[in-house]
PDB file of N, CA and C in Angstrom:
ATOM      1  N   UNK A   1      85.574 146.403 127.350  1.00  0.00           N
ATOM      2  CA  UNK A   1      85.315 145.847 126.300  1.00  0.00           C
ATOM      3  C   UNK A   1      86.109 145.597 125.361  1.00  0.00           C
ATOM      4  N   UNK A   2      87.314 145.938 125.746  1.00  0.00           N
ATOM      5  CA  UNK A   2      88.719 145.818 124.675  1.00  0.00           C
ATOM      6  C   UNK A   2      89.135 144.629 125.086  1.00  0.00           C
ATOM      7  N   UNK A   3      89.122 144.249 126.378  1.00  0.00           N
ATOM      8  CA  UNK A   3      89.822 143.344 126.780  1.00  0.00           C
ATOM      9  C   UNK A   3      89.118 141.865 126.379  1.00  0.00           C
ATOM     10  N   UNK A   4      87.937 142.177 126.565  1.00  0.00           N
ATOM     11  CA  UNK A   4      86.580 140.845 125.861  1.00  0.00           C
ATOM     12  C   UNK A   4      87.095 140.797 124.223  1.00  0.00           C
ATOM     13  N   UNK A   5      87.271 141.775 123.388  1.00  0.00           N
ATOM     14  CA  UNK A   5      87.468 141.689 122.341  1.00  0.00           C
ATOM     15  C   UNK A   5      88.862 140.962 122.007  1.00  0.00           C
ATOM     16  N   UNK A   6      90.031 141.437 122.538  1.00  0.00           N
ATOM     17  CA  UNK A   6      90.966 140.724 122.412  1.00  0.00           C
ATOM     18  C   UNK A   6      91.262 139.372 122.859  1.00  0.00           C
ATOM     19  N   UNK A   7      90.469 139.017 123.846  1.00  0.00           N
ATOM     20  CA  UNK A   7      90.062 137.633 124.248  1.00  0.00           C
ATOM     21  C   UNK A   7      89.578 136.638 123.139  1.00  0.00           C
ATOM     22  N   UNK A   8      88.511 137.304 122.458  1.00  0.00           N
ATOM     23  CA  UNK A   8      87.878 136.560 121.586  1.00  0.00           C
ATOM     24  C   UNK A   8      88.869 136.256 120.174  1.00  0.00           C
ATOM     25  N   UNK A   9      89.456 137.399 120.190  1.00  0.00           N
ATOM     26  CA  UNK A   9      90.595 137.565 118.603  1.00  0.00           C
ATOM     27  C   UNK A   9      91.536 136.480 118.759  1.00  0.00           C
ATOM     28  N   UNK A  10      92.155 136.235 120.423  1.00  0.00           N
ATOM     29  CA  UNK A  10      93.133 135.424 120.216  1.00  0.00           C
ATOM     30  C   UNK A  10      92.557 133.949 120.019  1.00  0.00           C
ATOM     31  N   UNK A  11      91.311 133.742 120.734  1.00  0.00           N
ATOM     32  CA  UNK A  11      90.791 132.368 120.655  1.00  0.00           C
ATOM     33  C   UNK A  11      90.589 131.782 119.153  1.00  0.00           C
ATOM     34  N   UNK A  12      89.772 132.828 118.470  1.00  0.00           N
ATOM     35  CA  UNK A  12      89.675 132.543 116.819  1.00  0.00           C
ATOM     36  C   UNK A  12      90.996 132.524 116.049  1.00  0.00           C
ATOM     37  N   UNK A  13      92.319 133.113 116.474  1.00  0.00           N
ATOM     38  CA  UNK A  13      93.140 132.801 115.775  1.00  0.00           C
ATOM     39  C   UNK A  13      93.801 131.587 116.027  1.00  0.00           C
ATOM     40  N   UNK A  14      93.608 131.225 117.307  1.00  0.00           N
ATOM     41  CA  UNK A  14      94.270 129.805 117.638  1.00  0.00           C
ATOM     42  C   UNK A  14      93.447 128.764 116.994  1.00  0.00           C
ATOM     43  N   UNK A  15      92.031 129.033 116.803  1.00  0.00           N
ATOM     44  CA  UNK A  15      91.300 128.048 116.217  1.00  0.00           C
ATOM     45  C   UNK A  15      91.471 127.869 114.593  1.00  0.00           C
ATOM     46  N   UNK A  16      91.793 128.756 114.073  1.00  0.00           N
ATOM     47  CA  UNK A  16      92.207 129.329 112.923  1.00  0.00           C
ATOM     48  C   UNK A  16      93.463 128.206 112.452  1.00  0.00           C
ATOM     49  N   UNK A  17      94.584 128.693 112.973  1.00  0.00           N
ATOM     50  CA  UNK A  17      95.698 127.963 112.674  1.00  0.00           C
ATOM     51  C   UNK A  17      96.092 126.763 113.404  1.00  0.00           C
ATOM     52  N   UNK A  18      94.909 126.044 114.294  1.00  0.00           N
ATOM     53  CA  UNK A  18      95.209 124.786 114.692  1.00  0.00           C
ATOM     54  C   UNK A  18      94.592 124.139 113.978  1.00  0.00           C
ATOM     55  N   UNK A  19      93.369 124.360 113.382  1.00  0.00           N
ATOM     56  CA  UNK A  19      92.967 123.293 112.545  1.00  0.00           C
ATOM     57  C   UNK A  19      92.877 123.151 110.884  1.00  0.00           C
ATOM     58  N   UNK A  20      94.401 122.850 110.840  1.00  0.00           N
ATOM     59  CA  UNK A  20      94.871 122.885 109.466  1.00  0.00           C
ATOM     60  C   UNK A  20      94.092 121.829 108.553  1.00  0.00           C
ATOM     61  N   UNK A  21      93.764 121.972 107.151  1.00  0.00           N
ATOM     62  CA  UNK A  21      93.394 120.737 106.296  1.00  0.00           C
ATOM     63  C   UNK A  21      94.246 119.720 106.171  1.00  0.00           C
ATOM     64  N   UNK A  22      95.655 120.586 106.079  1.00  0.00           N
ATOM     65  CA  UNK A  22      96.857 119.658 105.746  1.00  0.00           C
ATOM     66  C   UNK A  22      96.984 118.532 106.736  1.00  0.00           C
ATOM     67  N   UNK A  23      96.918 118.614 107.823  1.00  0.00           N
ATOM     68  CA  UNK A  23      97.226 117.772 108.947  1.00  0.00           C
ATOM     69  C   UNK A  23      96.319 116.354 108.560  1.00  0.00           C
ATOM     70  N   UNK A  24      95.250 116.505 107.836  1.00  0.00           N
ATOM     71  CA  UNK A  24      94.660 115.453 107.601  1.00  0.00           C
ATOM     72  C   UNK A  24      94.611 114.508 106.129  1.00  0.00           C
ATOM     73  N   UNK A  25      95.389 115.592 105.369  1.00  0.00           N
ATOM     74  CA  UNK A  25      95.609 114.969 104.131  1.00  0.00           C
ATOM     75  C   UNK A  25      96.737 113.862 103.732  1.00  0.00           C
ATOM     76  N   UNK A  26      97.614 114.094 104.856  1.00  0.00           N
ATOM     77  CA  UNK A  26      98.911 113.113 104.776  1.00  0.00           C
ATOM     78  C   UNK A  26      98.435 111.598 104.698  1.00  0.00           C
ATOM     79  N   UNK A  27      99.487 111.119 103.748  1.00  0.00           N
ATOM     80  CA  UNK A  27      98.987 109.702 103.058  1.00  0.00           C
ATOM     81  C   UNK A  27     100.176 108.787 103.554  1.00  0.00           C
ATOM     82  N   UNK A  28     100.186 107.763 104.159  1.00  0.00           N
ATOM     83  CA  UNK A  28     100.964 107.044 104.833  1.00  0.00           C
ATOM     84  C   UNK A  28     101.962 106.335 103.414  1.00  0.00           C
ATOM     85  N   UNK A  29     103.207 106.268 103.768  1.00  0.00           N
ATOM     86  CA  UNK A  29     104.093 105.724 102.395  1.00  0.00           C
ATOM     87  C   UNK A  29     103.125 104.373 102.089  1.00  0.00           C
ATOM     88  N   UNK A  30     102.607 103.595 102.416  1.00  0.00           N
ATOM     89  CA  UNK A  30     101.856 102.355 101.644  1.00  0.00           C
ATOM     90  C   UNK A  30     100.766 103.100 100.842  1.00  0.00           C
ATOM     91  N   UNK A  31     100.019 104.093 101.011  1.00  0.00           N
ATOM     92  CA  UNK A  31      99.265 104.540 100.501  1.00  0.00           C
ATOM     93  C   UNK A  31      99.486 105.455  99.189  1.00  0.00           C
ATOM     94  N   UNK A  32     100.702 106.026  99.158  1.00  0.00           N
ATOM     95  CA  UNK A  32     101.435 106.768  98.120  1.00  0.00           C
ATOM     96  C   UNK A  32     102.080 105.672  97.356  1.00  0.00           C
ATOM     97  N   UNK A  33     102.741 104.267  97.746  1.00  0.00           N
ATOM     98  CA  UNK A  33     102.911 103.148  96.903  1.00  0.00           C
ATOM     99  C   UNK A  33     101.600 102.417  95.955  1.00  0.00           C
ATOM    100  N   UNK A  34     100.596 102.596  96.470  1.00  0.00           N
ATOM    101  CA  UNK A  34      99.488 102.291  96.157  1.00  0.00           C
ATOM    102  C   UNK A  34      98.877 102.687  94.883  1.00  0.00           C
ATOM    103  N   UNK A  35      98.840 104.151  95.308  1.00  0.00           N
ATOM    104  CA  UNK A  35      98.760 105.075  93.936  1.00  0.00           C
ATOM    105  C   UNK A  35      99.404 104.962  92.805  1.00  0.00           C
ATOM    106  N   UNK A  36     100.920 104.935  93.292  1.00  0.00           N
ATOM    107  CA  UNK A  36     102.043 104.310  91.877  1.00  0.00           C
ATOM    108  C   UNK A  36     101.791 103.087  91.246  1.00  0.00           C
ATOM    109  N   UNK A  37     101.431 102.053  91.956  1.00  0.00           N
ATOM    110  CA  UNK A  37     101.188 100.763  91.430  1.00  0.00           C
ATOM    111  C   UNK A  37      99.807 100.882  90.970  1.00  0.00           C
ATOM    112  N   UNK A  38      98.817 101.392  91.026  1.00  0.00           N
ATOM    113  CA  UNK A  38      97.928 101.648  90.269  1.00  0.00           C
ATOM    114  C   UNK A  38      97.856 102.160  89.105  1.00  0.00           C
ATOM    115  N   UNK A  39      98.794 103.252  89.137  1.00  0.00           N
ATOM    116  CA  UNK A  39      99.398 104.022  87.764  1.00  0.00           C
ATOM    117  C   UNK A  39      99.688 103.017  86.729  1.00  0.00           C
ATOM    118  N   UNK A  40     100.755 101.958  87.225  1.00  0.00           N
ATOM    119  CA  UNK A  40     101.361 101.346  86.528  1.00  0.00           C
ATOM    120  C   UNK A  40     100.459 100.049  86.055  1.00  0.00           C
ATOM    121  N   UNK A  41      99.593  99.698  86.715  1.00  0.00           N
ATOM    122  CA  UNK A  41      98.486  98.512  86.555  1.00  0.00           C
ATOM    123  C   UNK A  41      97.397  99.251  85.426  1.00  0.00           C
ATOM    124  N   UNK A  42      97.405 100.512  85.360  1.00  0.00           N
ATOM    125  CA  UNK A  42      96.312 101.370  84.374  1.00  0.00           C
ATOM    126  C   UNK A  42      96.892 101.269  83.098  1.00  0.00           C
ATOM    127  N   UNK A  43      98.443 100.999  82.984  1.00  0.00           N
ATOM    128  CA  UNK A  43      98.902 101.172  81.802  1.00  0.00           C
ATOM    129  C   UNK A  43      98.903  99.720  80.926  1.00  0.00           C
ATOM    130  N   UNK A  44      98.516  98.707  81.660  1.00  0.00           N
ATOM    131  CA  UNK A  44      98.380  97.261  81.069  1.00  0.00           C
ATOM    132  C   UNK A  44      96.613  96.869  81.158  1.00  0.00           C
ATOM    133  N   UNK A  45      96.127  96.862  79.848  1.00  0.00           N
ATOM    134  CA  UNK A  45      94.911  96.339  80.017  1.00  0.00           C
ATOM    135  C   UNK A  45      94.629  95.091  80.309  1.00  0.00           C
ATOM    136  N   UNK A  46      95.647  94.068  80.253  1.00  0.00           N
ATOM    137  CA  UNK A  46      95.429  92.485  80.681  1.00  0.00           C
ATOM    138  C   UNK A  46      95.493  92.607  82.282  1.00  0.00           C
ATOM    139  N   UNK A  47      95.705  93.901  82.770  1.00  0.00           N
ATOM    140  CA  UNK A  47      95.576  93.486  84.417  1.00  0.00           C
ATOM    141  C   UNK A  47      94.584  94.370  84.934  1.00  0.00           C
ATOM    142  N   UNK A  48      93.472  94.713  84.172  1.00  0.00           N
ATOM    143  CA  UNK A  48      92.174  95.777  84.548  1.00  0.00           C
ATOM    144  C   UNK A  48      91.698  94.958  85.659  1.00  0.00           C
ATOM    145  N   UNK A  49      91.411  93.744  85.978  1.00  0.00           N
ATOM    146  CA  UNK A  49      90.433  93.123  86.981  1.00  0.00           C
ATOM    147  C   UNK A  49      91.390  93.100  88.066  1.00  0.00           C
ATOM    148  N   UNK A  50      92.593  92.911  88.138  1.00  0.00           N
ATOM    149  CA  UNK A  50      93.263  92.694  89.247  1.00  0.00           C
ATOM    150  C   UNK A  50      93.713  94.094  89.888  1.00  0.00           C
ATOM    151  N   UNK A  51      93.736  95.194  88.994  1.00  0.00           N
ATOM    152  CA  UNK A  51      93.515  96.551  89.305  1.00  0.00           C
ATOM    153  C   UNK A  51      92.364  96.972  90.185  1.00  0.00           C
ATOM    154  N   UNK A  52      91.292  96.380  89.373  1.00  0.00           N
ATOM    155  CA  UNK A  52      89.922  96.923  90.344  1.00  0.00           C
ATOM    156  C   UNK A  52      89.941  96.207  91.304  1.00  0.00           C
ATOM    157  N   UNK A  53      90.205  95.092  92.030  1.00  0.00           N
ATOM    158  CA  UNK A  53      90.422  94.595  93.250  1.00  0.00           C
ATOM    159  C   UNK A  53      91.524  95.127  94.079  1.00  0.00           C
ATOM    160  N   UNK A  54      92.638  95.332  93.422  1.00  0.00           N
ATOM    161  CA  UNK A  54      93.788  95.948  94.437  1.00  0.00           C
ATOM    162  C   UNK A  54      93.130  97.368  94.985  1.00  0.00           C
ATOM    163  N   UNK A  55      92.466  98.179  93.937  1.00  0.00           N
ATOM    164  CA  UNK A  55      92.168  99.516  94.502  1.00  0.00           C
ATOM    165  C   UNK A  55      91.214  99.402  95.446  1.00  0.00           C
ATOM    166  N   UNK A  56      90.637  98.558  95.819  1.00  0.00           N
ATOM    167  CA  UNK A  56      89.524  98.462  96.993  1.00  0.00           C
ATOM    168  C   UNK A  56      90.301  98.032  98.407  1.00  0.00           C
ATOM    169  N   UNK A  57      91.339  97.608  98.143  1.00  0.00           N
ATOM    170  CA  UNK A  57      92.150  97.273  99.363  1.00  0.00           C
ATOM    171  C   UNK A  57      92.591  98.689 100.189  1.00  0.00           C
ATOM    172  N   UNK A  58      92.351  98.622 101.539  1.00  0.00           N
ATOM    173  CA  UNK A  58      92.854  99.884 102.340  1.00  0.00           C
ATOM    174  C   UNK A  58      93.952  99.671 102.972  1.00  0.00           C
ATOM    175  N   UNK A  59      94.672 100.656 102.910  1.00  0.00           N
ATOM    176  CA  UNK A  59      96.475 100.999 103.256  1.00  0.00           C
ATOM    177  C   UNK A  59      96.505 101.839 104.059  1.00  0.00           C
ATOM    178  N   UNK A  60      95.439 102.312 104.777  1.00  0.00           N
ATOM    179  CA  UNK A  60      95.691 103.705 105.694  1.00  0.00           C
ATOM    180  C   UNK A  60      96.190 103.139 106.804  1.00  0.00           C
ATOM    181  N   UNK A  61      96.195 102.156 107.515  1.00  0.00           N
ATOM    182  CA  UNK A  61      96.651 101.351 108.691  1.00  0.00           C
ATOM    183  C   UNK A  61      98.060 100.356 108.407  1.00  0.00           C
ATOM    184  N   UNK A  62      98.623 100.503 107.248  1.00  0.00           N
ATOM    185  CA  UNK A  62      99.824  99.719 107.046  1.00  0.00           C
ATOM    186  C   UNK A  62     100.786 100.241 107.197  1.00  0.00           C
ATOM    187  N   UNK A  63     101.685  99.692 107.856  1.00  0.00           N
ATOM    188  CA  UNK A  63     103.050 100.692 108.426  1.00  0.00           C
ATOM    189  C   UNK A  63     104.305 100.375 107.269  1.00  0.00           C
ATOM    190  N   UNK A  64     104.217  99.330 106.481  1.00  0.00           N
ATOM    191  CA  UNK A  64     105.533  99.137 105.871  1.00  0.00           C
ATOM    192  C   UNK A  64     105.613 100.646 104.475  1.00  0.00           C
ATOM    193  N   UNK A  65     106.810 100.685 104.102  1.00  0.00           N
ATOM    194  CA  UNK A  65     107.199 101.693 103.420  1.00  0.00           C
ATOM    195  C   UNK A  65     107.360 101.315 101.793  1.00  0.00           C
ATOM    196  N   UNK A  66     107.472  99.949 101.338  1.00  0.00           N
ATOM    197  CA  UNK A  66     107.498  99.325 100.312  1.00  0.00           C
ATOM    198  C   UNK A  66     106.444  98.302 100.264  1.00  0.00           C
ATOM    199  N   UNK A  67     105.939  98.298  99.127  1.00  0.00           N
ATOM    200  CA  UNK A  67     105.133  97.110  98.615  1.00  0.00           C
ATOM    201  C   UNK A  67     105.648  96.077  97.539  1.00  0.00           C
ATOM    202  N   UNK A  68     105.289  94.840  97.475  1.00  0.00           N
ATOM    203  CA  UNK A  68     105.525  94.306  96.057  1.00  0.00           C
ATOM    204  C   UNK A  68     104.169  93.556  95.789  1.00  0.00           C
ATOM    205  N   UNK A  69     103.909  93.844  94.508  1.00  0.00           N
ATOM    206  CA  UNK A  69     102.728  93.223  94.130  1.00  0.00           C
ATOM    207  C   UNK A  69     103.061  92.129  92.711  1.00  0.00           C
ATOM    208  N   UNK A  70     102.409  90.746  92.893  1.00  0.00           N
ATOM    209  CA  UNK A  70     102.111  90.058  91.833  1.00  0.00           C
ATOM    210  C   UNK A  70     100.928  90.153  91.361  1.00  0.00           C
ATOM    211  N   UNK A  71     100.733  90.512  90.030  1.00  0.00           N
ATOM    212  CA  UNK A  71      99.468  90.598  89.407  1.00  0.00           C
ATOM    213  C   UNK A  71      99.346  89.701  88.476  1.00  0.00           C
ATOM    214  N   UNK A  72      97.952  88.757  88.585  1.00  0.00           N
ATOM    215  CA  UNK A  72      97.438  88.338  87.523  1.00  0.00           C
ATOM    216  C   UNK A  72      96.762  88.811  86.505  1.00  0.00           C
ATOM    217  N   UNK A  73      96.707  88.239  85.278  1.00  0.00           N
ATOM    218  CA  UNK A  73      96.077  88.974  83.929  1.00  0.00           C
ATOM    219  C   UNK A  73      94.539  88.507  84.143  1.00  0.00           C
ATOM    220  N   UNK A  74      93.877  88.989  83.419  1.00  0.00           N
ATOM    221  CA  UNK A  74      92.525  88.907  83.484  1.00  0.00           C
ATOM    222  C   UNK A  74      92.292  87.401  82.784  1.00  0.00           C
ATOM    223  N   UNK A  75      91.172  86.884  83.793  1.00  0.00           N
ATOM    224  CA  UNK A  75      90.873  85.511  83.521  1.00  0.00           C
ATOM    225  C   UNK A  75      92.125  84.495  83.777  1.00  0.00           C
ATOM    226  N   UNK A  76      93.013  84.720  84.255  1.00  0.00           N
ATOM    227  CA  UNK A  76      94.265  83.720  84.324  1.00  0.00           C
ATOM    228  C   UNK A  76      94.570  83.296  85.740  1.00  0.00           C
ATOM    229  N   UNK A  77      93.553  83.506  86.649  1.00  0.00           N
ATOM    230  CA  UNK A  77      93.563  82.901  87.916  1.00  0.00           C
ATOM    231  C   UNK A  77      94.410  81.803  88.382  1.00  0.00           C
ATOM    232  N   UNK A  78      93.660  80.498  87.413  1.00  0.00           N
ATOM    233  CA  UNK A  78      93.959  79.282  87.565  1.00  0.00           C
ATOM    234  C   UNK A  78      94.833  78.722  86.709  1.00  0.00           C
ATOM    235  N   UNK A  79      95.221  79.610  85.241  1.00  0.00           N
ATOM    236  CA  UNK A  79      95.627  79.007  84.519  1.00  0.00           C
ATOM    237  C   UNK A  79      97.065  78.215  84.654  1.00  0.00           C
ATOM    238  N   UNK A  80      97.962  79.449  85.300  1.00  0.00           N
ATOM    239  CA  UNK A  80      99.247  78.842  85.576  1.00  0.00           C
ATOM    240  C   UNK A  80      99.538  77.402  86.489  1.00  0.00           C
ATOM    241  N   UNK A  81      98.522  77.393  87.683  1.00  0.00           N
ATOM    242  CA  UNK A  81      98.622  76.140  88.162  1.00  0.00           C
ATOM    243  C   UNK A  81      97.701  75.266  87.490  1.00  0.00           C
ATOM    244  N   UNK A  82      96.936  75.095  86.548  1.00  0.00           N
ATOM    245  CA  UNK A  82      96.646  74.150  85.827  1.00  0.00           C
ATOM    246  C   UNK A  82      97.499  73.687  84.925  1.00  0.00           C
ATOM    247  N   UNK A  83      98.326  74.329  84.059  1.00  0.00           N
ATOM    248  CA  UNK A  83      99.413  74.180  83.151  1.00  0.00           C
ATOM    249  C   UNK A  83     100.787  73.392  84.135  1.00  0.00           C
ATOM    250  N   UNK A  84     100.934  73.940  85.290  1.00  0.00           N
ATOM    251  CA  UNK A  84     102.056  73.344  86.070  1.00  0.00           C
ATOM    252  C   UNK A  84     101.642  71.731  86.412  1.00  0.00           C
ATOM    253  N   UNK A  85     100.267  71.651  86.973  1.00  0.00           N
ATOM    254  CA  UNK A  85      99.654  70.330  87.146  1.00  0.00           C
ATOM    255  C   UNK A  85      99.697  69.401  86.099  1.00  0.00           C
ATOM    256  N   UNK A  86      99.425  70.060  85.024  1.00  0.00           N
ATOM    257  CA  UNK A  86      99.265  68.850  83.745  1.00  0.00           C
ATOM    258  C   UNK A  86     100.636  68.614  83.321  1.00  0.00           C
ATOM    259  N   UNK A  87     101.870  69.609  83.564  1.00  0.00           N
ATOM    260  CA  UNK A  87     103.282  69.076  82.867  1.00  0.00           C
ATOM    261  C   UNK A  87     103.846  68.249  84.039  1.00  0.00           C
ATOM    262  N   UNK A  88     103.208  68.043  85.157  1.00  0.00           N
ATOM    263  CA  UNK A  88     103.906  67.285  86.248  1.00  0.00           C
ATOM    264  C   UNK A  88     103.925  65.981  85.737  1.00  0.00           C
ATOM    265  N   UNK A  89     103.108  65.530  85.613  1.00  0.00           N
ATOM    266  CA  UNK A  89     102.468  64.087  85.381  1.00  0.00           C
ATOM    267  C   UNK A  89     103.361  63.643  84.062  1.00  0.00           C
ATOM    268  N   UNK A  90     103.890  64.467  83.323  1.00  0.00           N
ATOM    269  CA  UNK A  90     104.679  63.921  82.159  1.00  0.00           C
ATOM    270  C   UNK A  90     106.171  63.322  82.431  1.00  0.00           C
TER     271      UNK A  90
END
């Protein structure tokens, strides 16, 4: 009886210590960068539309450690290109 109890106790201890929640909570460096970028984007109201779209991107499988982001202002997706085309003909 004592042997059986010890056997189940050892199994219970192994299960408890091997199934740690922290193992699943690790974020990739790209996900950490995403959070930092979203924090900075939230500070500028003119970038809210870009921030909403950027937030949808899944960086879980991205292997890079640094991200470079060029954000467009709200409603300005084609403004710069249109101005450049208008000025090229002069």
